[in-house]
Amino acid sequence: MAQGKKIDENKQYTREELEEILSEKQKNWAKFYVVNWNQSDAARKAGYSLKTAQAIGAENLKKPLIKQYVNYMRDNIEELAGVSKLKLIQELQKLAFYDVSNLITVKGNSCLIKVDDLSDLPDDVRAAIKNVKNTTAGYAIELHDKNVAMAQLSKMMGWNEAKKVEHSGGLNIKNVVVSKSEAKNISDALENEV
């Protein structure tokens, strides 16, 4: 805890203020805790002893300032991790729309890599490379599946969700009593329509 500052445990502090108030171990504990929500594991990873990890984890959850810090991290995880839907969409765009002709040239039955250094490739083509293997016949380059990337993009954009259709008016349903043989005839007729 910060030396010489009066701490009000009921006050809502900013993240910056909490980072000044809390010890490095407490901040590390909170960071590890929001990853897997296991208080003992977080205490061990933050540097607390194995003997005290369980007690420290439970104790940290009771401290208002640590709880504030955990809540801030939980609520702002995208910002803290540097990940957002936009960033994911941009990465998926690279995989879905790369132009393989920036990577290879086809001459007859041969396929030649255009560059000596992968860093010379456009960003989208470098991102599309899944694996490079040195084989006896040369280099084998495996690319990410464009269709998978496009399907993931479609899902993130909500383009493949079922359309919701609303109907106005009502249905007038009456109780109908039929014999077993009539029910069988109706069932057969419905199956034949399909």
C-alpha atoms as a PDB file:
ATOM      1  CA  MET A   1       0.000   0.000   0.000  1.00  0.00           C
ATOM      2  CA  ALA A   2       1.113   3.551  -0.692  1.00  0.00           C
ATOM      3  CA  GLN A   3       3.117   5.070   2.128  1.00  0.00           C
ATOM      4  CA  GLY A   4       1.733   8.119   3.922  1.00  0.00           C
ATOM      5  CA  LYS A   5      -1.569   8.397   2.040  1.00  0.00           C
ATOM      6  CA  LYS A   6      -4.879   8.124   3.829  1.00  0.00           C
ATOM      7  CA  ILE A   7      -6.873   5.348   2.185  1.00  0.00           C
ATOM      8  CA  ASP A   8     -10.671   5.425   2.172  1.00  0.00           C
ATOM      9  CA  GLU A   9     -11.833   1.868   1.475  1.00  0.00           C
ATOM     10  CA  ASN A  10     -15.357   3.118   0.653  1.00  0.00           C
ATOM     11  CA  LYS A  11     -14.186   5.503  -2.091  1.00  0.00           C
ATOM     12  CA  GLN A  12     -14.257   4.478  -5.760  1.00  0.00           C
ATOM     13  CA  TYR A  13     -10.693   4.910  -6.983  1.00  0.00           C
ATOM     14  CA  THR A  14      -9.508   5.096 -10.582  1.00  0.00           C
ATOM     15  CA  ARG A  15      -7.361   2.302 -11.996  1.00  0.00           C
ATOM     16  CA  GLU A  16      -4.329   4.598 -11.841  1.00  0.00           C
ATOM     17  CA  GLU A  17      -4.962   5.400  -8.173  1.00  0.00           C
ATOM     18  CA  LEU A  18      -5.439   1.730  -7.326  1.00  0.00           C
ATOM     19  CA  GLU A  19      -2.173   0.863  -9.096  1.00  0.00           C
ATOM     20  CA  GLU A  20      -0.383   3.372  -6.846  1.00  0.00           C
ATOM     21  CA  ILE A  21      -2.117   2.145  -3.675  1.00  0.00           C
ATOM     22  CA  LEU A  22      -1.843  -1.637  -4.123  1.00  0.00           C
ATOM     23  CA  SER A  23       1.379  -3.578  -3.763  1.00  0.00           C
ATOM     24  CA  GLU A  24       2.933  -5.321  -6.772  1.00  0.00           C
ATOM     25  CA  LYS A  25       1.889  -8.713  -5.357  1.00  0.00           C
ATOM     26  CA  GLN A  26      -1.701  -7.540  -4.906  1.00  0.00           C
ATOM     27  CA  LYS A  27      -1.854  -6.173  -8.464  1.00  0.00           C
ATOM     28  CA  ASN A  28      -0.298  -9.361  -9.837  1.00  0.00           C
ATOM     29  CA  TRP A  29      -2.730 -11.469  -7.816  1.00  0.00           C
ATOM     30  CA  ALA A  30      -5.666  -9.542  -9.333  1.00  0.00           C
ATOM     31  CA  LYS A  31      -4.263  -9.922 -12.868  1.00  0.00           C
ATOM     32  CA  PHE A  32      -3.849 -13.677 -12.453  1.00  0.00           C
ATOM     33  CA  TYR A  33      -7.227 -13.962 -10.738  1.00  0.00           C
ATOM     34  CA  VAL A  34      -9.178 -12.482 -13.668  1.00  0.00           C
ATOM     35  CA  VAL A  35      -7.539 -14.995 -16.013  1.00  0.00           C
ATOM     36  CA  ASN A  36      -8.873 -18.171 -14.379  1.00  0.00           C
ATOM     37  CA  TRP A  37     -10.908 -16.989 -11.349  1.00  0.00           C
ATOM     38  CA  ASN A  38      -8.954 -19.299  -9.016  1.00  0.00           C
ATOM     39  CA  GLN A  39      -7.847 -17.359  -5.925  1.00  0.00           C
ATOM     40  CA  SER A  40      -5.231 -19.872  -4.694  1.00  0.00           C
ATOM     41  CA  ASP A  41      -3.674 -20.328  -8.124  1.00  0.00           C
ATOM     42  CA  ALA A  42      -3.541 -16.558  -8.560  1.00  0.00           C
ATOM     43  CA  ALA A  43      -1.794 -16.199  -5.184  1.00  0.00           C
ATOM     44  CA  ARG A  44       0.854 -18.806  -6.114  1.00  0.00           C
ATOM     45  CA  LYS A  45       1.476 -17.176  -9.499  1.00  0.00           C
ATOM     46  CA  ALA A  46       1.695 -13.728  -7.885  1.00  0.00           C
ATOM     47  CA  GLY A  47       4.526 -14.935  -5.659  1.00  0.00           C
ATOM     48  CA  TYR A  48       2.799 -15.798  -2.389  1.00  0.00           C
ATOM     49  CA  SER A  49       4.044 -18.938  -0.649  1.00  0.00           C
ATOM     50  CA  LEU A  50       2.398 -22.299  -1.308  1.00  0.00           C
ATOM     51  CA  LYS A  51       1.489 -22.564   2.382  1.00  0.00           C
ATOM     52  CA  THR A  52      -0.397 -19.274   2.463  1.00  0.00           C
ATOM     53  CA  ALA A  53      -1.772 -19.161  -1.104  1.00  0.00           C
ATOM     54  CA  GLN A  54      -5.278 -20.325  -0.213  1.00  0.00           C
ATOM     55  CA  ALA A  55      -5.612 -17.999   2.779  1.00  0.00           C
ATOM     56  CA  ILE A  56      -4.130 -15.024   0.891  1.00  0.00           C
ATOM     57  CA  GLY A  57      -6.464 -15.626  -2.050  1.00  0.00           C
ATOM     58  CA  ALA A  58      -9.529 -15.639   0.186  1.00  0.00           C
ATOM     59  CA  GLU A  59      -8.237 -12.619   2.126  1.00  0.00           C
ATOM     60  CA  ASN A  60      -7.587 -10.631  -1.072  1.00  0.00           C
ATOM     61  CA  LEU A  61     -11.167 -11.176  -2.212  1.00  0.00           C
ATOM     62  CA  LYS A  62     -12.379  -9.522   0.991  1.00  0.00           C
ATOM     63  CA  LYS A  63     -10.245  -6.378   0.594  1.00  0.00           C
ATOM     64  CA  PRO A  64     -12.371  -3.580  -0.916  1.00  0.00           C
ATOM     65  CA  LEU A  65      -9.539  -1.973  -2.896  1.00  0.00           C
ATOM     66  CA  ILE A  66      -8.423  -5.264  -4.420  1.00  0.00           C
ATOM     67  CA  LYS A  67     -12.064  -6.036  -5.249  1.00  0.00           C
ATOM     68  CA  GLN A  68     -12.294  -2.650  -6.987  1.00  0.00           C
ATOM     69  CA  TYR A  69      -9.161  -3.450  -9.000  1.00  0.00           C
ATOM     70  CA  VAL A  70     -10.480  -6.911  -9.949  1.00  0.00           C
ATOM     71  CA  ASN A  71     -13.832  -5.409 -10.959  1.00  0.00           C
ATOM     72  CA  TYR A  72     -12.108  -2.758 -13.061  1.00  0.00           C
ATOM     73  CA  MET A  73     -10.035  -5.423 -14.823  1.00  0.00           C
ATOM     74  CA  ARG A  74     -13.064  -7.649 -15.381  1.00  0.00           C
ATOM     75  CA  ASP A  75     -15.111  -4.783 -16.812  1.00  0.00           C
ATOM     76  CA  ASN A  76     -12.286  -3.505 -19.050  1.00  0.00           C
ATOM     77  CA  ILE A  77     -10.626  -6.767 -20.096  1.00  0.00           C
ATOM     78  CA  GLU A  78     -10.794  -5.928 -23.831  1.00  0.00           C
ATOM     79  CA  GLU A  79      -9.005  -2.617 -23.317  1.00  0.00           C
ATOM     80  CA  LEU A  80      -6.392  -4.073 -20.975  1.00  0.00           C
ATOM     81  CA  ALA A  81      -5.655  -7.000 -23.287  1.00  0.00           C
ATOM     82  CA  GLY A  82      -5.577  -4.771 -26.351  1.00  0.00           C
ATOM     83  CA  VAL A  83      -8.268  -6.892 -27.989  1.00  0.00           C
ATOM     84  CA  SER A  84     -11.537  -5.709 -29.452  1.00  0.00           C
ATOM     85  CA  LYS A  85     -14.136  -6.974 -31.889  1.00  0.00           C
ATOM     86  CA  LEU A  86     -12.755  -4.514 -34.437  1.00  0.00           C
ATOM     87  CA  LYS A  87      -9.236  -5.904 -34.064  1.00  0.00           C
ATOM     88  CA  LEU A  88     -10.507  -9.490 -34.430  1.00  0.00           C
ATOM     89  CA  ILE A  89     -12.506  -8.530 -37.506  1.00  0.00           C
ATOM     90  CA  GLN A  90      -9.443  -6.868 -39.030  1.00  0.00           C
ATOM     91  CA  GLU A  91      -7.355 -10.017 -38.456  1.00  0.00           C
ATOM     92  CA  LEU A  92     -10.070 -12.245 -39.904  1.00  0.00           C
ATOM     93  CA  GLN A  93     -10.248  -9.932 -42.928  1.00  0.00           C
ATOM     94  CA  LYS A  94      -6.571 -10.616 -43.582  1.00  0.00           C
ATOM     95  CA  LEU A  95      -7.192 -14.359 -43.520  1.00  0.00           C
ATOM     96  CA  ALA A  96     -10.366 -14.191 -45.593  1.00  0.00           C
ATOM     97  CA  PHE A  97      -9.215 -11.835 -48.335  1.00  0.00           C
ATOM     98  CA  TYR A  98      -5.473 -12.327 -48.838  1.00  0.00           C
ATOM     99  CA  ASP A  99      -4.276 -12.578 -52.425  1.00  0.00           C
ATOM    100  CA  VAL A 100      -2.158 -15.713 -52.811  1.00  0.00           C
ATOM    101  CA  SER A 101      -0.671 -14.303 -56.021  1.00  0.00           C
ATOM    102  CA  ASN A 102       1.368 -11.993 -53.773  1.00  0.00           C
ATOM    103  CA  LEU A 103       3.080 -15.119 -52.450  1.00  0.00           C
ATOM    104  CA  ILE A 104       3.536 -17.504 -55.355  1.00  0.00           C
ATOM    105  CA  THR A 105       3.900 -17.660 -59.101  1.00  0.00           C
ATOM    106  CA  VAL A 106       2.716 -20.685 -61.029  1.00  0.00           C
ATOM    107  CA  LYS A 107       4.767 -21.656 -64.106  1.00  0.00           C
ATOM    108  CA  GLY A 108       3.632 -24.836 -65.793  1.00  0.00           C
ATOM    109  CA  ASN A 109       3.650 -27.551 -63.128  1.00  0.00           C
ATOM    110  CA  SER A 110       5.851 -25.508 -60.792  1.00  0.00           C
ATOM    111  CA  CYS A 111       4.832 -23.210 -58.009  1.00  0.00           C
ATOM    112  CA  LEU A 112       7.514 -20.685 -57.045  1.00  0.00           C
ATOM    113  CA  ILE A 113       7.669 -18.508 -53.934  1.00  0.00           C
ATOM    114  CA  LYS A 114       8.047 -14.885 -55.038  1.00  0.00           C
ATOM    115  CA  VAL A 115      10.098 -13.575 -52.122  1.00  0.00           C
ATOM    116  CA  ASP A 116      13.303 -14.500 -50.353  1.00  0.00           C
ATOM    117  CA  ASP A 117      12.274 -12.897 -47.078  1.00  0.00           C
ATOM    118  CA  LEU A 118       8.753 -13.305 -45.663  1.00  0.00           C
ATOM    119  CA  SER A 119       8.951  -9.787 -44.213  1.00  0.00           C
ATOM    120  CA  ASP A 120       8.788  -8.522 -47.822  1.00  0.00           C
ATOM    121  CA  LEU A 121       5.254  -9.924 -48.163  1.00  0.00           C
ATOM    122  CA  PRO A 122       2.167  -7.758 -47.643  1.00  0.00           C
ATOM    123  CA  ASP A 123       0.791  -7.889 -44.094  1.00  0.00           C
ATOM    124  CA  ASP A 124      -2.354  -9.817 -45.104  1.00  0.00           C
ATOM    125  CA  VAL A 125      -0.333 -12.539 -46.846  1.00  0.00           C
ATOM    126  CA  ARG A 126       2.068 -12.926 -43.892  1.00  0.00           C
ATOM    127  CA  ALA A 127      -0.938 -13.214 -41.555  1.00  0.00           C
ATOM    128  CA  ALA A 128      -2.436 -15.885 -43.829  1.00  0.00           C
ATOM    129  CA  ILE A 129       0.598 -18.171 -43.490  1.00  0.00           C
ATOM    130  CA  LYS A 130      -0.214 -20.953 -41.053  1.00  0.00           C
ATOM    131  CA  ASN A 131       2.985 -22.983 -41.337  1.00  0.00           C
ATOM    132  CA  VAL A 132       6.242 -23.149 -43.323  1.00  0.00           C
ATOM    133  CA  LYS A 133       8.147 -26.427 -43.599  1.00  0.00           C
ATOM    134  CA  ASN A 134      11.487 -27.119 -45.223  1.00  0.00           C
ATOM    135  CA  THR A 135      11.065 -30.282 -47.299  1.00  0.00           C
ATOM    136  CA  THR A 136      13.387 -32.150 -49.655  1.00  0.00           C
ATOM    137  CA  ALA A 137      11.488 -30.610 -52.587  1.00  0.00           C
ATOM    138  CA  GLY A 138      11.744 -27.062 -51.174  1.00  0.00           C
ATOM    139  CA  TYR A 139       9.572 -25.077 -48.823  1.00  0.00           C
ATOM    140  CA  ALA A 140       5.979 -26.106 -48.172  1.00  0.00           C
ATOM    141  CA  ILE A 141       3.733 -23.232 -47.154  1.00  0.00           C
ATOM    142  CA  GLU A 142       0.399 -23.960 -45.501  1.00  0.00           C
ATOM    143  CA  LEU A 143      -2.147 -21.124 -45.515  1.00  0.00           C
ATOM    144  CA  HIS A 144      -5.130 -20.553 -43.267  1.00  0.00           C
ATOM    145  CA  ASP A 145      -8.465 -21.625 -44.719  1.00  0.00           C
ATOM    146  CA  LYS A 146     -10.185 -18.598 -46.286  1.00  0.00           C
ATOM    147  CA  ASN A 147     -13.623 -20.225 -45.982  1.00  0.00           C
ATOM    148  CA  VAL A 148     -13.229 -20.707 -42.229  1.00  0.00           C
ATOM    149  CA  ALA A 149     -12.185 -17.067 -41.826  1.00  0.00           C
ATOM    150  CA  MET A 150     -15.137 -15.876 -43.911  1.00  0.00           C
ATOM    151  CA  ALA A 151     -17.536 -18.029 -41.865  1.00  0.00           C
ATOM    152  CA  GLN A 152     -16.129 -16.589 -38.632  1.00  0.00           C
ATOM    153  CA  LEU A 153     -16.461 -13.059 -40.016  1.00  0.00           C
ATOM    154  CA  SER A 154     -20.057 -13.732 -41.040  1.00  0.00           C
ATOM    155  CA  LYS A 155     -20.849 -15.039 -37.575  1.00  0.00           C
ATOM    156  CA  MET A 156     -19.214 -12.057 -35.838  1.00  0.00           C
ATOM    157  CA  MET A 157     -21.121  -9.652 -38.076  1.00  0.00           C
ATOM    158  CA  GLY A 158     -24.387 -11.486 -37.373  1.00  0.00           C
ATOM    159  CA  TRP A 159     -24.945 -12.212 -41.058  1.00  0.00           C
ATOM    160  CA  ASN A 160     -25.802 -15.876 -40.607  1.00  0.00           C
ATOM    161  CA  GLU A 161     -28.303 -15.481 -37.785  1.00  0.00           C
ATOM    162  CA  ALA A 162     -31.866 -16.621 -38.302  1.00  0.00           C
ATOM    163  CA  LYS A 163     -34.120 -13.799 -39.370  1.00  0.00           C
ATOM    164  CA  LYS A 164     -36.834 -12.896 -36.917  1.00  0.00           C
ATOM    165  CA  VAL A 165     -40.228 -12.576 -38.569  1.00  0.00           C
ATOM    166  CA  GLU A 166     -43.181 -11.147 -36.696  1.00  0.00           C
ATOM    167  CA  HIS A 167     -46.751 -11.950 -37.679  1.00  0.00           C
ATOM    168  CA  SER A 168     -49.750  -9.827 -36.927  1.00  0.00           C
ATOM    169  CA  GLY A 169     -53.154 -11.269 -36.332  1.00  0.00           C
ATOM    170  CA  GLY A 170     -54.027 -14.373 -34.449  1.00  0.00           C
ATOM    171  CA  LEU A 171     -54.573 -18.025 -34.961  1.00  0.00           C
ATOM    172  CA  ASN A 172     -57.943 -19.529 -34.278  1.00  0.00           C
ATOM    173  CA  ILE A 173     -57.337 -23.052 -33.027  1.00  0.00           C
ATOM    174  CA  LYS A 174     -60.224 -25.301 -32.117  1.00  0.00           C
ATOM    175  CA  ASN A 175     -60.130 -28.631 -30.395  1.00  0.00           C
ATOM    176  CA  VAL A 176     -60.634 -31.352 -32.930  1.00  0.00           C
ATOM    177  CA  VAL A 177     -61.426 -34.922 -31.996  1.00  0.00           C
ATOM    178  CA  VAL A 178     -60.582 -37.618 -34.544  1.00  0.00           C
ATOM    179  CA  SER A 179     -60.374 -41.364 -34.445  1.00  0.00           C
ATOM    180  CA  LYS A 180     -57.047 -43.201 -34.587  1.00  0.00           C
ATOM    181  CA  SER A 181     -57.620 -44.170 -38.229  1.00  0.00           C
ATOM    182  CA  GLU A 182     -58.421 -40.538 -39.159  1.00  0.00           C
ATOM    183  CA  ALA A 183     -55.300 -39.366 -37.306  1.00  0.00           C
ATOM    184  CA  LYS A 184     -53.236 -41.907 -39.282  1.00  0.00           C
ATOM    185  CA  ASN A 185     -54.727 -40.655 -42.563  1.00  0.00           C
ATOM    186  CA  ILE A 186     -53.928 -37.040 -41.645  1.00  0.00           C
ATOM    187  CA  SER A 187     -50.392 -38.002 -40.621  1.00  0.00           C
ATOM    188  CA  ASP A 188     -49.827 -39.898 -43.888  1.00  0.00           C
ATOM    189  CA  ALA A 189     -51.187 -36.992 -45.910  1.00  0.00           C
ATOM    190  CA  LEU A 190     -48.855 -34.538 -44.167  1.00  0.00           C
ATOM    191  CA  GLU A 191     -45.833 -36.812 -44.770  1.00  0.00           C
ATOM    192  CA  ASN A 192     -46.695 -37.046 -48.473  1.00  0.00           C
ATOM    193  CA  GLU A 193     -46.771 -33.243 -48.743  1.00  0.00           C
ATOM    194  CA  VAL A 194     -43.200 -32.999 -47.461  1.00  0.00           C
END
